[in-house]
Amino acid sequence: MFDFETRPERRHTTSIKWRLIEDELGEGHDDVIAMSVADMEFVPAPQIVDAIVDAARNDVFGYDYATDDYYDAVIGWMRRRHGLDIDRQWIRLSDGVMPAINTALRAFTHPGDTIVIQRPVYYPFTDAARNNGLTISNNALVYDDAAHTYTIDFDDLANRLADPRCTAMLLCNPHNPVGRVWTADELRRIGDLCIRHDVLLLVDEIHADFTRPGHPMTMFGMLGEPYASHAIEFTAPTKTFNLAGLLCSNAFIRDARMRERYDTAAANIGGLTVSHFGLVACIAAYNDAEAWFDALLDVLERNRAVLDRFALTHPWMTVVEPEGTYLAWVDMRGIGLPDADALCAFMRERARVYCDEGALFGPEGAGFERINLACPTPLLEEVLARIDAAVATLGE
């Protein structure tokens, strides 16, 4: 019914994911396959394409206003997919989750404050903290080498949040890159600590739609009060429907005084909004493309199965089984390379595959690779075959 087999040609286009190969590796790397940046190698949902084409033919591209249709689409999706009830007045628009998070940091923290993050974690969190003059306090996730799972060290988290200089915590839910979908109990424990120590919780939920059976997604706002009013949730249709280039995201801020401070910070940089085609695409995605997304989830499960079967017969690779996201966090330390730089060179020069190196997400990620599974299955199979062939050449 939907096309998840066609592989769009994105090399030598405006795609950051594919241009990174040329920019970082230079000439002679046209055969390297990009499996890094978290966007998809699929043609877009036809319902979204139709809506954009209609808008391109009929709309005028002046200053925009988010209409009732837009807010109703966002509210309806959150209610249907997550059981989360959102009031229209809570919604704040932005061109992306990270611009919105940076705006929140400017609104609620000051240079010299401390912020808690949980490495290995999405590397723009580190950039956001540093660019806003904040000191990073790392509540490193605990990796169980035997079970291949990650957990939170709550004793360490409590100590870090108790620091009087700590004013904010950045939480990734589901966690990128390790794939944990935090349980309601885990989220309550985090929320209790943040409330106790008056630390604002900023929750990146951009991957919320990508959870797997047996791992239900708890949006932080579903915990109710007082948790919901002590946090800002950041969401977007862009990960779900591969719309990042259309610039669209939504933040949910329940507390009126927090909204006022956030709005002031946004106004100080000229305001935040959604692009015209972002508005159009979001409405079409949330209202009309749900069946496409459900079909996509089946493709992702198929790709996870391909990766899991490969890992079972290749003991130098261990997959940290993802509970959410469309990313795979893969332990490659079994190859036996001396360090993260050697692994990076091996993947890019020998295997001819460009993933996001684990060390990007913090030193705790050294020896891991983040592999993007949102691609046609034959492309993933080709990537795995390349890695396998490259491992076989080691020692020659």
Protein backbone atom coordinates (compact mmCIF):
# COMPACT_ATOMS: atom_id res chain seq x y z
CA MET A 1 0.00 0.00 0.00
CA PHE A 2 2.84 2.39 0.86
CA ASP A 3 6.28 2.51 -0.71
CA PHE A 4 9.05 1.63 1.74
CA GLU A 5 11.20 -0.06 -0.89
CA THR A 6 12.27 2.83 -3.11
CA ARG A 7 15.58 4.30 -2.01
CA PRO A 8 15.67 8.04 -2.76
CA GLU A 9 18.99 9.26 -4.16
CA ARG A 10 20.17 11.81 -1.60
CA ARG A 11 23.89 11.84 -2.28
CA HIS A 12 25.07 15.26 -3.57
CA THR A 13 21.81 16.89 -2.46
CA THR A 14 21.15 19.29 0.42
CA SER A 15 20.93 16.33 2.84
CA ILE A 16 23.19 16.92 5.86
CA LYS A 17 23.39 13.18 6.42
CA TRP A 18 24.94 12.54 3.02
CA ARG A 19 26.92 15.77 2.71
CA LEU A 20 28.78 14.93 5.92
CA ILE A 21 30.55 12.16 4.03
CA GLU A 22 31.91 14.56 1.41
CA ASP A 23 32.61 17.34 3.91
CA GLU A 24 34.48 15.17 6.42
CA LEU A 25 36.04 12.47 4.28
CA GLY A 26 36.68 14.39 1.06
CA GLU A 27 36.85 13.06 -2.46
CA GLY A 28 36.96 9.36 -3.19
CA HIS A 29 34.18 8.43 -0.78
CA ASP A 30 31.14 8.42 -3.06
CA ASP A 31 30.55 4.76 -2.26
CA VAL A 32 30.26 5.30 1.51
CA ILE A 33 26.73 4.70 2.83
CA ALA A 34 25.24 7.19 5.32
CA MET A 35 23.56 5.60 8.34
CA SER A 36 24.06 8.46 10.77
CA VAL A 37 21.75 11.47 11.14
CA ALA A 38 18.27 10.51 12.37
CA ASP A 39 16.23 11.09 9.27
CA MET A 40 14.73 8.46 6.99
CA GLU A 41 15.71 6.95 3.64
CA PHE A 42 12.08 6.58 2.54
CA VAL A 43 9.90 8.53 0.13
CA PRO A 44 7.48 10.76 2.09
CA ALA A 45 3.94 9.85 3.00
CA PRO A 46 1.77 10.59 -0.07
CA GLN A 47 -0.84 12.44 2.00
CA ILE A 48 1.80 14.93 3.10
CA VAL A 49 3.17 15.35 -0.41
CA ASP A 50 -0.32 16.02 -1.76
CA ALA A 51 -0.97 18.66 0.89
CA ILE A 52 2.34 20.43 0.22
CA VAL A 53 1.82 20.38 -3.55
CA ASP A 54 -1.66 21.82 -3.11
CA ALA A 55 -0.27 24.54 -0.84
CA ALA A 56 2.52 25.33 -3.30
CA ARG A 57 -0.01 25.82 -6.08
CA ASN A 58 -2.62 27.76 -4.16
CA ASP A 59 -1.17 29.47 -1.09
CA VAL A 60 0.55 32.81 -0.62
CA PHE A 61 3.78 32.53 1.36
CA GLY A 62 3.53 35.54 3.62
CA TYR A 63 3.62 35.73 7.39
CA ASP A 64 1.78 32.83 8.93
CA TYR A 65 -0.61 32.27 11.79
CA ALA A 66 -1.25 28.86 13.30
CA THR A 67 -4.96 28.19 12.79
CA ASP A 68 -7.43 26.09 14.74
CA ASP A 69 -6.77 23.28 12.26
CA TYR A 70 -3.13 23.18 13.30
CA TYR A 71 -3.78 23.13 17.04
CA ASP A 72 -6.59 20.59 16.63
CA ALA A 73 -4.24 18.30 14.67
CA VAL A 74 -1.56 18.44 17.39
CA ILE A 75 -4.07 17.96 20.20
CA GLY A 76 -5.82 15.13 18.37
CA TRP A 77 -2.59 13.21 17.71
CA MET A 78 -1.45 13.46 21.31
CA ARG A 79 -4.81 12.25 22.54
CA ARG A 80 -5.13 9.35 20.06
CA ARG A 81 -1.55 8.09 20.17
CA HIS A 82 -0.64 8.79 23.79
CA GLY A 83 -3.78 9.50 25.80
CA LEU A 84 -2.35 12.94 26.56
CA ASP A 85 -4.79 15.84 26.86
CA ILE A 86 -3.28 19.15 25.79
CA ASP A 87 -4.83 22.59 26.16
CA ARG A 88 -4.27 24.82 23.14
CA GLN A 89 -2.93 27.64 25.30
CA TRP A 90 -0.06 25.41 26.48
CA ILE A 91 1.36 24.94 22.97
CA ARG A 92 4.35 26.96 21.84
CA LEU A 93 5.58 26.66 18.25
CA SER A 94 9.17 26.46 17.06
CA ASP A 95 11.16 25.50 13.99
CA GLY A 96 12.72 22.60 15.89
CA VAL A 97 13.06 20.90 19.26
CA MET A 98 16.63 22.08 19.85
CA PRO A 99 15.84 25.78 19.15
CA ALA A 100 12.96 25.44 21.62
CA ILE A 101 15.19 23.76 24.23
CA ASN A 102 17.83 26.47 23.82
CA THR A 103 15.11 29.09 24.27
CA ALA A 104 14.00 27.40 27.49
CA LEU A 105 17.59 27.38 28.75
CA ARG A 106 17.86 31.12 28.12
CA ALA A 107 14.55 31.64 29.90
CA PHE A 108 15.16 29.57 33.02
CA THR A 109 18.92 29.30 33.57
CA HIS A 110 21.85 31.68 33.86
CA PRO A 111 25.47 31.32 32.75
CA GLY A 112 27.34 29.50 35.49
CA ASP A 113 24.37 27.36 36.51
CA THR A 114 24.65 23.58 36.43
CA ILE A 115 22.51 21.33 34.23
CA VAL A 116 22.11 17.56 34.48
CA ILE A 117 22.31 15.37 31.38
CA GLN A 118 22.59 11.58 31.07
CA ARG A 119 25.37 10.45 28.78
CA PRO A 120 25.70 8.75 26.42
CA VAL A 121 23.08 11.15 25.10
CA TYR A 122 22.06 13.11 22.01
CA TYR A 123 25.10 15.32 21.49
CA PRO A 124 23.23 18.61 20.85
CA PHE A 125 22.34 18.48 24.57
CA THR A 126 26.01 19.01 25.33
CA ASP A 127 26.21 21.81 22.78
CA ALA A 128 23.12 23.52 24.20
CA ALA A 129 24.53 23.45 27.73
CA ARG A 130 27.90 24.82 26.70
CA ASN A 131 26.53 27.44 24.33
CA ASN A 132 24.39 28.83 27.16
CA GLY A 133 27.30 28.99 29.59
CA LEU A 134 26.12 26.08 31.73
CA THR A 135 28.23 23.58 33.63
CA ILE A 136 27.38 19.99 32.73
CA SER A 137 26.68 17.54 35.54
CA ASN A 138 26.66 14.07 33.99
CA ASN A 139 24.39 11.47 35.56
CA ALA A 140 25.91 8.76 33.37
CA LEU A 141 23.60 5.90 32.47
CA VAL A 142 24.72 2.55 33.86
CA TYR A 143 25.44 -0.11 31.26
CA ASP A 144 25.07 -3.77 32.22
CA ASP A 145 27.57 -5.64 30.04
CA ALA A 146 25.87 -8.96 30.70
CA ALA A 147 22.26 -7.93 30.12
CA HIS A 148 23.10 -5.25 27.52
CA THR A 149 20.72 -2.78 29.14
CA TYR A 150 20.93 0.74 30.56
CA THR A 151 19.53 2.01 33.84
CA ILE A 152 19.61 5.26 35.82
CA ASP A 153 21.83 5.64 38.88
CA PHE A 154 19.24 7.36 41.04
CA ASP A 155 21.55 7.87 44.01
CA ASP A 156 23.98 9.76 41.79
CA LEU A 157 21.10 11.68 40.20
CA ALA A 158 19.81 12.74 43.61
CA ASN A 159 23.24 14.09 44.58
CA ARG A 160 23.59 16.03 41.33
CA LEU A 161 20.13 17.57 41.52
CA ALA A 162 20.76 18.57 45.14
CA ASP A 163 23.60 20.84 44.03
CA PRO A 164 22.32 24.38 44.75
CA ARG A 165 23.82 25.53 41.45
CA CYS A 166 21.69 23.02 39.50
CA THR A 167 18.69 24.69 37.90
CA ALA A 168 17.70 22.35 35.05
CA MET A 169 17.80 18.77 33.81
CA LEU A 170 17.59 17.65 30.19
CA LEU A 171 15.80 14.31 29.87
CA CYS A 172 15.62 12.32 26.64
CA ASN A 173 12.48 10.14 26.54
CA PRO A 174 12.73 7.79 24.68
CA HIS A 175 16.46 7.98 25.15
CA ASN A 176 18.64 8.70 22.13
CA PRO A 177 20.89 6.81 21.48
CA VAL A 178 20.44 3.88 23.90
CA GLY A 179 16.74 3.36 23.10
CA ARG A 180 15.34 3.18 26.63
CA VAL A 181 11.68 4.10 27.04
CA TRP A 182 11.57 5.27 30.64
CA THR A 183 8.79 3.69 32.69
CA ALA A 184 6.20 5.71 34.55
CA ASP A 185 7.89 4.76 37.84
CA GLU A 186 11.29 5.93 36.59
CA LEU A 187 9.80 9.21 35.39
CA ARG A 188 8.08 9.77 38.75
CA ARG A 189 11.36 9.21 40.58
CA ILE A 190 13.05 11.75 38.32
CA GLY A 191 10.14 14.15 38.77
CA ASP A 192 10.13 13.78 42.55
CA LEU A 193 13.82 14.64 42.73
CA CYS A 194 13.44 17.64 40.43
CA ILE A 195 10.49 18.98 42.40
CA ARG A 196 12.29 18.43 45.73
CA HIS A 197 15.31 20.41 44.57
CA ASP A 198 13.42 22.96 42.44
CA VAL A 199 15.12 21.85 39.22
CA LEU A 200 13.24 22.48 35.97
CA LEU A 201 12.83 19.34 33.85
CA LEU A 202 13.11 19.77 30.08
CA VAL A 203 11.84 16.60 28.38
CA ASP A 204 12.73 15.87 24.76
CA GLU A 205 9.98 13.56 23.50
CA ILE A 206 10.61 13.83 19.77
CA HIS A 207 10.93 10.03 19.48
CA ALA A 208 7.77 9.39 21.52
CA ASP A 209 5.85 7.81 18.64
CA PHE A 210 8.51 5.13 18.09
CA THR A 211 7.97 2.76 21.00
CA ARG A 212 7.81 -1.01 20.68
CA PRO A 213 5.31 -3.57 21.98
CA GLY A 214 5.83 -4.19 25.66
CA HIS A 215 7.33 -0.75 26.22
CA PRO A 216 4.46 1.73 26.51
CA MET A 217 5.34 5.38 26.15
CA THR A 218 4.64 7.59 29.14
CA MET A 219 4.62 11.21 28.09
CA PHE A 220 5.81 13.15 31.10
CA GLY A 221 2.59 15.15 31.24
CA MET A 222 0.63 11.92 31.70
CA LEU A 223 1.95 11.71 35.26
CA GLY A 224 -0.43 14.52 36.23
CA GLU A 225 0.21 17.16 38.84
CA PRO A 226 2.51 18.29 40.30
CA TYR A 227 4.85 16.68 37.76
CA ALA A 228 3.32 18.14 34.60
CA SER A 229 3.63 21.75 35.71
CA HIS A 230 7.26 21.28 36.71
CA ALA A 231 8.37 20.34 33.20
CA ILE A 232 8.32 21.42 29.59
CA GLU A 233 7.71 18.73 26.97
CA PHE A 234 9.19 19.11 23.49
CA THR A 235 7.53 17.23 20.63
CA ALA A 236 7.40 17.34 16.84
CA PRO A 237 5.93 15.56 13.81
CA THR A 238 9.33 15.85 12.15
CA LYS A 239 10.86 12.60 13.44
CA THR A 240 7.64 10.64 13.06
CA PHE A 241 7.03 11.65 9.45
CA ASN A 242 10.55 12.68 8.37
CA LEU A 243 9.77 16.39 8.08
CA ALA A 244 12.84 17.95 9.72
CA GLY A 245 13.56 20.12 6.69
CA LEU A 246 10.12 21.72 6.99
CA LEU A 247 10.89 23.18 10.44
CA CYS A 248 8.07 22.36 12.84
CA SER A 249 7.92 21.50 16.53
CA ASN A 250 5.71 22.08 19.57
CA ALA A 251 6.46 22.63 23.23
CA PHE A 252 3.87 22.03 25.95
CA ILE A 253 4.11 24.46 28.87
CA ARG A 254 1.33 24.13 31.42
CA ASP A 255 2.35 26.77 33.97
CA ALA A 256 1.29 30.30 32.98
CA ARG A 257 4.31 31.99 34.58
CA MET A 258 6.65 29.60 32.81
CA ARG A 259 4.95 30.37 29.51
CA GLU A 260 5.47 34.07 30.09
CA ARG A 261 9.20 33.63 30.75
CA TYR A 262 9.58 31.32 27.75
CA ASP A 263 7.71 33.79 25.51
CA THR A 264 9.98 36.61 26.62
CA ALA A 265 13.08 34.58 25.80
CA ALA A 266 11.62 33.74 22.39
CA ALA A 267 10.73 37.37 21.72
CA ASN A 268 14.29 38.40 22.55
CA ILE A 269 15.52 36.50 19.50
CA GLY A 270 12.72 37.73 17.25
CA GLY A 271 10.24 34.99 18.07
CA LEU A 272 9.86 31.30 17.26
CA THR A 273 7.37 29.86 14.81
CA VAL A 274 6.75 27.11 12.27
CA SER A 275 7.42 27.43 8.55
CA HIS A 276 4.44 27.65 6.20
CA PHE A 277 5.05 24.18 4.79
CA GLY A 278 5.68 22.92 8.30
CA LEU A 279 2.17 24.00 9.26
CA VAL A 280 0.71 22.36 6.18
CA ALA A 281 2.70 19.16 6.64
CA CYS A 282 1.94 18.83 10.34
CA ILE A 283 -1.82 19.06 9.75
CA ALA A 284 -1.68 16.51 6.93
CA ALA A 285 0.59 14.18 8.88
CA TYR A 286 -1.38 14.11 12.09
CA ASN A 287 -4.80 14.06 10.42
CA ASP A 288 -4.30 11.96 7.30
CA ALA A 289 -1.02 9.98 7.38
CA GLU A 290 -1.53 7.80 10.46
CA ALA A 291 -1.90 4.65 8.35
CA TRP A 292 1.45 5.41 6.66
CA PHE A 293 3.09 5.71 10.06
CA ASP A 294 1.62 2.44 11.29
CA ALA A 295 2.99 0.73 8.18
CA LEU A 296 6.38 2.32 8.85
CA LEU A 297 6.46 0.76 12.31
CA ASP A 298 6.14 -2.67 10.70
CA VAL A 299 9.11 -1.92 8.42
CA LEU A 300 11.21 -0.85 11.39
CA GLU A 301 10.40 -4.09 13.20
CA ARG A 302 11.50 -6.02 10.14
CA ASN A 303 14.78 -4.12 10.06
CA ARG A 304 15.37 -4.73 13.76
CA ALA A 305 14.87 -8.44 13.14
CA VAL A 306 17.46 -8.34 10.33
CA LEU A 307 19.96 -6.66 12.65
CA ASP A 308 19.23 -9.04 15.51
CA ARG A 309 19.71 -12.13 13.32
CA PHE A 310 23.00 -10.75 12.04
CA ALA A 311 24.26 -10.06 15.57
CA LEU A 312 23.38 -13.59 16.72
CA THR A 313 25.83 -15.05 14.20
CA HIS A 314 28.51 -12.39 14.62
CA PRO A 315 29.68 -12.38 18.24
CA TRP A 316 31.81 -9.27 17.81
CA MET A 317 28.57 -7.25 17.59
CA THR A 318 26.00 -6.83 20.37
CA VAL A 319 22.76 -4.94 19.87
CA VAL A 320 21.36 -3.06 22.84
CA GLU A 321 17.78 -4.05 22.15
CA PRO A 322 15.88 -0.78 21.59
CA GLU A 323 12.63 -0.18 23.42
CA GLY A 324 11.99 2.90 21.29
CA THR A 325 13.34 5.20 18.53
CA TYR A 326 14.30 3.94 15.06
CA LEU A 327 17.96 3.87 16.01
CA ALA A 328 20.11 0.90 17.02
CA TRP A 329 22.83 1.28 19.65
CA VAL A 330 25.39 -1.36 18.82
CA ASP A 331 28.35 -2.48 20.93
CA MET A 332 31.27 -3.02 18.53
CA ARG A 333 34.00 -3.46 21.14
CA GLY A 334 34.15 -7.14 20.29
CA ILE A 335 35.97 -6.32 17.05
CA GLY A 336 39.02 -5.63 19.20
CA LEU A 337 40.07 -2.25 17.88
CA PRO A 338 42.21 -0.17 20.27
CA ASP A 339 40.04 2.93 20.65
CA ALA A 340 37.13 4.99 19.33
CA ASP A 341 39.26 6.66 16.64
CA ALA A 342 40.32 3.28 15.29
CA LEU A 343 36.69 2.11 15.19
CA CYS A 344 35.66 5.27 13.35
CA ALA A 345 38.42 4.80 10.75
CA PHE A 346 37.53 1.12 10.37
CA MET A 347 33.85 1.84 9.72
CA ARG A 348 34.41 4.67 7.27
CA GLU A 349 37.53 3.55 5.42
CA ARG A 350 37.27 -0.25 5.51
CA ALA A 351 33.55 -0.94 5.81
CA ARG A 352 32.61 2.20 3.81
CA VAL A 353 29.77 2.95 6.20
CA TYR A 354 29.25 6.30 7.95
CA CYS A 355 27.37 5.88 11.24
CA ASP A 356 27.19 8.20 14.22
CA GLU A 357 30.17 7.16 16.31
CA GLY A 358 29.33 6.28 19.89
CA ALA A 359 31.93 8.68 21.28
CA LEU A 360 29.91 11.58 19.85
CA PHE A 361 27.37 10.95 22.61
CA GLY A 362 29.99 11.17 25.34
CA PRO A 363 33.01 9.11 26.36
CA GLU A 364 30.65 6.45 27.72
CA GLY A 365 29.72 5.68 24.11
CA ALA A 366 33.25 4.83 22.94
CA GLY A 367 33.25 1.49 21.12
CA PHE A 368 29.59 1.77 20.12
CA GLU A 369 27.94 2.76 16.85
CA ARG A 370 24.51 4.31 16.36
CA ILE A 371 22.93 2.80 13.25
CA ASN A 372 19.87 4.34 11.64
CA LEU A 373 17.29 1.64 10.86
CA ALA A 374 14.86 3.92 8.99
CA CYS A 375 15.84 2.72 5.54
CA PRO A 376 14.79 0.12 2.96
CA THR A 377 15.70 -3.34 4.23
CA PRO A 378 18.10 -4.12 1.34
CA LEU A 379 20.16 -1.05 2.26
CA LEU A 380 20.52 -2.25 5.85
CA GLU A 381 21.50 -5.71 4.60
CA GLU A 382 24.16 -4.15 2.36
CA VAL A 383 25.55 -2.18 5.31
CA LEU A 384 25.80 -5.29 7.47
CA ALA A 385 27.47 -7.23 4.66
CA ARG A 386 30.04 -4.47 4.29
CA ILE A 387 30.85 -4.48 7.99
CA ASP A 388 31.11 -8.26 7.98
CA ALA A 389 33.49 -8.23 5.01
CA ALA A 390 35.60 -5.52 6.62
CA VAL A 391 35.93 -7.46 9.89
CA ALA A 392 37.09 -10.47 7.90
CA THR A 393 40.01 -8.43 6.55
CA LEU A 394 41.37 -7.53 9.99
CA GLY A 395 44.73 -9.10 10.57
CA GLU A 396 45.45 -9.54 6.87
